[in-house]
């Protein structure tokens, strides 16, 4: 390296070193920006968490709704079928346990609903069938407690009486209720937990 010229030494001497107050001001500004970023992060994280878990709960609710709708549809489809085609003459009587009756039994409809939900980890809280099978009017099934009569049906008709009266091609409505568990604490506080949900599907009989 050669020796610096007088001109070069003169230029170097003209570059002032930062003063102590300036350095302190720069450090203060950097600390202020770091503090501001920390506050912004603390404000944004709860919002991001709410959006993430909210989307998770929304996706789960949609999945539950589709699964239960399919189960109710399967139950309704089972209920409209003519289940006896011979060889004896058609008759609906409790004396032979409705063995020659074309009307599908309510337990068979519930079995179709629960079979459709078998691999979904969804347990219905109740299944209501309108009109019910016979004049006992046991139209609602609860897991663990069995059948009972409720006021969920619009009238007191039953399917056996309708068949005996010659009424054909009426609608069977299958309603499935279930409780949806939320994961998001804020949504739990806003909507309650679990959230009661319900799906109804009706189809016209083919007998």
Protein backbone atom coordinates (compact mmCIF):
# COMPACT_ATOMS: atom_id res chain seq x y z
CA UNK A 1 0.00 0.00 0.00
CA UNK A 2 1.32 3.45 -0.89
CA UNK A 3 1.22 6.47 1.31
CA UNK A 4 -1.98 8.57 1.19
CA UNK A 5 -1.71 11.89 -0.48
CA UNK A 6 -2.39 15.08 1.39
CA UNK A 7 -5.66 15.45 -0.55
CA UNK A 8 -6.83 12.00 0.53
CA UNK A 9 -5.93 12.72 4.14
CA UNK A 10 -7.87 15.94 3.88
CA UNK A 11 -11.00 14.16 2.60
CA UNK A 12 -10.85 11.56 5.37
CA UNK A 13 -10.55 14.17 8.00
CA UNK A 14 -13.74 15.81 6.67
CA UNK A 15 -15.90 12.70 7.52
CA UNK A 16 -17.22 13.32 11.02
CA UNK A 17 -17.70 10.44 13.47
CA UNK A 18 -21.23 10.05 14.91
CA UNK A 19 -21.60 11.90 18.15
CA UNK A 20 -22.75 10.19 21.34
CA UNK A 21 -26.21 11.88 21.30
CA UNK A 22 -26.76 10.70 17.71
CA UNK A 23 -25.85 7.11 18.61
CA UNK A 24 -28.19 7.24 21.58
CA UNK A 25 -31.00 8.55 19.35
CA UNK A 26 -30.45 5.72 16.81
CA UNK A 27 -30.46 3.08 19.54
CA UNK A 28 -33.65 4.56 20.98
CA UNK A 29 -35.36 4.44 17.60
CA UNK A 30 -34.38 0.79 17.11
CA UNK A 31 -35.68 -0.13 20.56
CA UNK A 32 -38.96 1.70 19.84
CA UNK A 33 -39.42 -0.17 16.58
CA UNK A 34 -38.75 -3.50 18.30
CA UNK A 35 -41.33 -2.65 20.97
CA UNK A 36 -43.85 -1.62 18.34
CA UNK A 37 -43.38 -4.91 16.47
CA UNK A 38 -43.90 -6.85 19.69
CA UNK A 39 -47.16 -5.03 20.39
CA UNK A 40 -48.39 -5.57 16.83
CA UNK A 41 -47.57 -9.28 17.05
CA UNK A 42 -49.43 -9.57 20.35
CA UNK A 43 -52.49 -7.96 18.76
CA UNK A 44 -52.44 -10.06 15.58
CA UNK A 45 -51.84 -13.52 17.11
CA UNK A 46 -55.30 -13.81 18.78
CA UNK A 47 -57.00 -12.79 15.54
CA UNK A 48 -55.02 -15.37 13.56
CA UNK A 49 -55.79 -18.04 16.17
CA UNK A 50 -59.51 -17.19 16.02
CA UNK A 51 -59.50 -17.40 12.22
CA UNK A 52 -57.59 -20.70 12.22
CA UNK A 53 -59.74 -22.47 14.79
CA UNK A 54 -62.89 -20.85 13.42
CA UNK A 55 -62.15 -22.29 9.98
CA UNK A 56 -61.46 -25.65 11.62
CA UNK A 57 -64.84 -25.60 13.38
CA UNK A 58 -66.57 -24.47 10.19
CA UNK A 59 -65.04 -27.35 8.25
CA UNK A 60 -66.05 -29.84 10.94
CA UNK A 61 -69.60 -28.45 11.06
CA UNK A 62 -69.92 -28.78 7.29
CA UNK A 63 -68.65 -32.37 7.44
CA UNK A 64 -71.13 -33.22 10.23
CA UNK A 65 -74.01 -31.63 8.34
CA UNK A 66 -73.26 -33.57 5.15
CA UNK A 67 -72.83 -36.87 7.03
CA UNK A 68 -76.06 -36.47 9.01
CA UNK A 69 -77.97 -35.38 5.89
CA UNK A 70 -76.83 -38.56 4.14
CA UNK A 71 -77.93 -40.61 7.17
CA UNK A 72 -81.36 -38.97 7.26
CA UNK A 73 -81.72 -39.53 3.52
CA UNK A 74 -80.82 -43.20 3.93
CA UNK A 75 -83.38 -43.57 6.73
CA UNK A 76 -86.08 -41.91 4.66
CA UNK A 77 -85.23 -44.07 1.64
CA UNK A 78 -85.53 -47.17 3.82
CA UNK A 79 -88.89 -46.02 5.17
CA UNK A 80 -90.59 -45.63 1.79
CA UNK A 81 -89.88 -49.19 0.59
CA UNK A 82 -92.52 -51.91 0.31
CA UNK A 83 -90.97 -54.57 2.53
CA UNK A 84 -93.38 -57.45 1.83
CA UNK A 85 -94.06 -58.83 -1.63
CA UNK A 86 -95.66 -62.21 -0.88
CA UNK A 87 -96.47 -65.02 -1.06
CA UNK A 88 -99.31 -64.32 1.40
CA UNK A 89 -101.86 -61.59 0.93
CA UNK A 90 -100.95 -58.17 2.27
CA UNK A 91 -102.32 -57.36 5.70
CA UNK A 92 -101.21 -55.11 8.53
CA UNK A 93 -101.99 -56.47 11.96
CA UNK A 94 -100.21 -56.62 15.27
CA UNK A 95 -101.50 -60.18 15.70
CA UNK A 96 -98.69 -61.49 13.46
CA UNK A 97 -96.26 -58.69 14.37
CA UNK A 98 -96.95 -57.03 11.01
CA UNK A 99 -95.18 -59.91 9.22
CA UNK A 100 -97.28 -59.49 6.05
CA UNK A 101 -97.43 -55.69 6.19
CA UNK A 102 -95.66 -53.69 3.46
CA UNK A 103 -94.90 -50.89 5.93
CA UNK A 104 -91.25 -50.65 6.96
CA UNK A 105 -90.65 -50.83 10.72
CA UNK A 106 -89.29 -47.82 12.59
CA UNK A 107 -86.33 -49.77 14.11
CA UNK A 108 -85.24 -50.64 10.56
CA UNK A 109 -85.27 -46.95 9.65
CA UNK A 110 -83.18 -46.08 12.72
CA UNK A 111 -80.77 -48.91 11.91
CA UNK A 112 -80.31 -47.43 8.43
CA UNK A 113 -79.52 -44.02 9.96
CA UNK A 114 -77.00 -45.36 12.48
CA UNK A 115 -75.38 -47.65 9.89
CA UNK A 116 -74.75 -44.65 7.63
CA UNK A 117 -73.07 -42.87 10.56
CA UNK A 118 -71.07 -45.90 11.69
CA UNK A 119 -67.67 -44.68 10.44
CA UNK A 120 -68.11 -40.99 11.17
CA UNK A 121 -67.86 -40.98 15.01
CA UNK A 122 -71.20 -39.10 15.00
CA UNK A 123 -73.87 -40.27 17.43
CA UNK A 124 -77.34 -38.83 16.82
CA UNK A 125 -79.06 -37.41 19.89
CA UNK A 126 -82.45 -38.47 18.49
CA UNK A 127 -84.21 -39.79 15.38
CA UNK A 128 -87.85 -38.82 14.74
CA UNK A 129 -90.03 -40.52 12.12
CA UNK A 130 -93.26 -38.90 10.92
CA UNK A 131 -95.71 -40.47 10.61
CA UNK A 132 -94.71 -43.29 13.00
CA UNK A 133 -95.29 -46.95 12.23
CA UNK A 134 -98.50 -47.70 14.13
CA UNK A 135 -101.07 -46.35 16.56
CA UNK A 136 -98.68 -46.52 19.53
CA UNK A 137 -97.26 -43.27 18.05
CA UNK A 138 -93.75 -43.98 19.34
CA UNK A 139 -92.15 -41.64 16.84
CA UNK A 140 -88.80 -40.65 18.43
CA UNK A 141 -85.79 -42.82 19.27
CA UNK A 142 -83.10 -41.79 21.76
CA UNK A 143 -79.79 -43.65 22.14
CA UNK A 144 -79.74 -45.55 25.41
CA UNK A 145 -83.41 -44.96 26.28
CA UNK A 146 -85.24 -46.20 23.19
CA UNK A 147 -88.59 -45.11 21.81
CA UNK A 148 -91.01 -42.50 23.08
CA UNK A 149 -93.90 -40.40 21.81
CA UNK A 150 -93.18 -36.72 21.15
CA UNK A 151 -94.99 -33.76 19.63
CA UNK A 152 -92.52 -33.37 16.78
CA UNK A 153 -94.92 -34.76 14.18
CA UNK A 154 -97.54 -32.36 12.74
CA UNK A 155 -100.47 -34.75 13.38
CA UNK A 156 -101.38 -38.12 14.92
CA UNK A 157 -101.37 -40.14 11.69
CA UNK A 158 -99.51 -43.44 11.59
CA UNK A 159 -98.38 -45.40 8.56
CA UNK A 160 -100.30 -48.62 9.28
CA UNK A 161 -103.60 -46.73 9.68
CA UNK A 162 -102.91 -44.79 6.48
CA UNK A 163 -102.33 -48.06 4.60
CA UNK A 164 -105.49 -49.64 6.06
CA UNK A 165 -107.47 -46.55 4.99
CA UNK A 166 -106.16 -46.87 1.45
CA UNK A 167 -103.95 -43.78 1.60
CA UNK A 168 -100.98 -44.16 -0.73
CA UNK A 169 -97.96 -42.14 -1.84
CA UNK A 170 -97.69 -39.98 1.26
CA UNK A 171 -94.49 -38.48 2.62
CA UNK A 172 -92.28 -39.98 5.32
CA UNK A 173 -90.11 -37.47 7.14
CA UNK A 174 -86.97 -38.55 9.01
CA UNK A 175 -85.42 -36.00 11.35
CA UNK A 176 -81.97 -36.57 12.84
CA UNK A 177 -80.72 -34.34 15.66
CA UNK A 178 -77.18 -34.22 17.01
CA UNK A 179 -74.94 -32.09 19.20
CA UNK A 180 -71.94 -30.41 17.56
CA UNK A 181 -68.93 -29.78 19.80
CA UNK A 182 -67.01 -26.57 19.10
CA UNK A 183 -63.24 -26.31 19.55
CA UNK A 184 -62.89 -22.51 19.53
CA UNK A 185 -63.35 -20.98 23.02
CA UNK A 186 -64.67 -17.66 21.70
CA UNK A 187 -67.24 -19.41 19.52
CA UNK A 188 -68.19 -21.54 22.51
CA UNK A 189 -68.93 -18.37 24.46
CA UNK A 190 -70.84 -16.80 21.57
CA UNK A 191 -72.86 -19.81 20.41
CA UNK A 192 -72.82 -22.11 23.42
CA UNK A 193 -71.38 -25.59 23.44
CA UNK A 194 -72.48 -28.04 22.22
CA UNK A 195 -74.52 -26.54 19.37
CA UNK A 196 -77.78 -28.45 18.69
CA UNK A 197 -78.19 -29.17 14.99
CA UNK A 198 -80.96 -30.88 13.04
CA UNK A 199 -81.50 -32.37 9.56
CA UNK A 200 -84.82 -33.50 8.05
CA UNK A 201 -85.35 -35.45 4.82
CA UNK A 202 -88.73 -36.51 3.42
CA UNK A 203 -89.58 -38.89 0.59
CA UNK A 204 -92.81 -40.20 -0.91
CA UNK A 205 -93.74 -43.85 -0.29
CA UNK A 206 -93.90 -46.31 -3.19
CA UNK A 207 -96.80 -48.39 -1.80
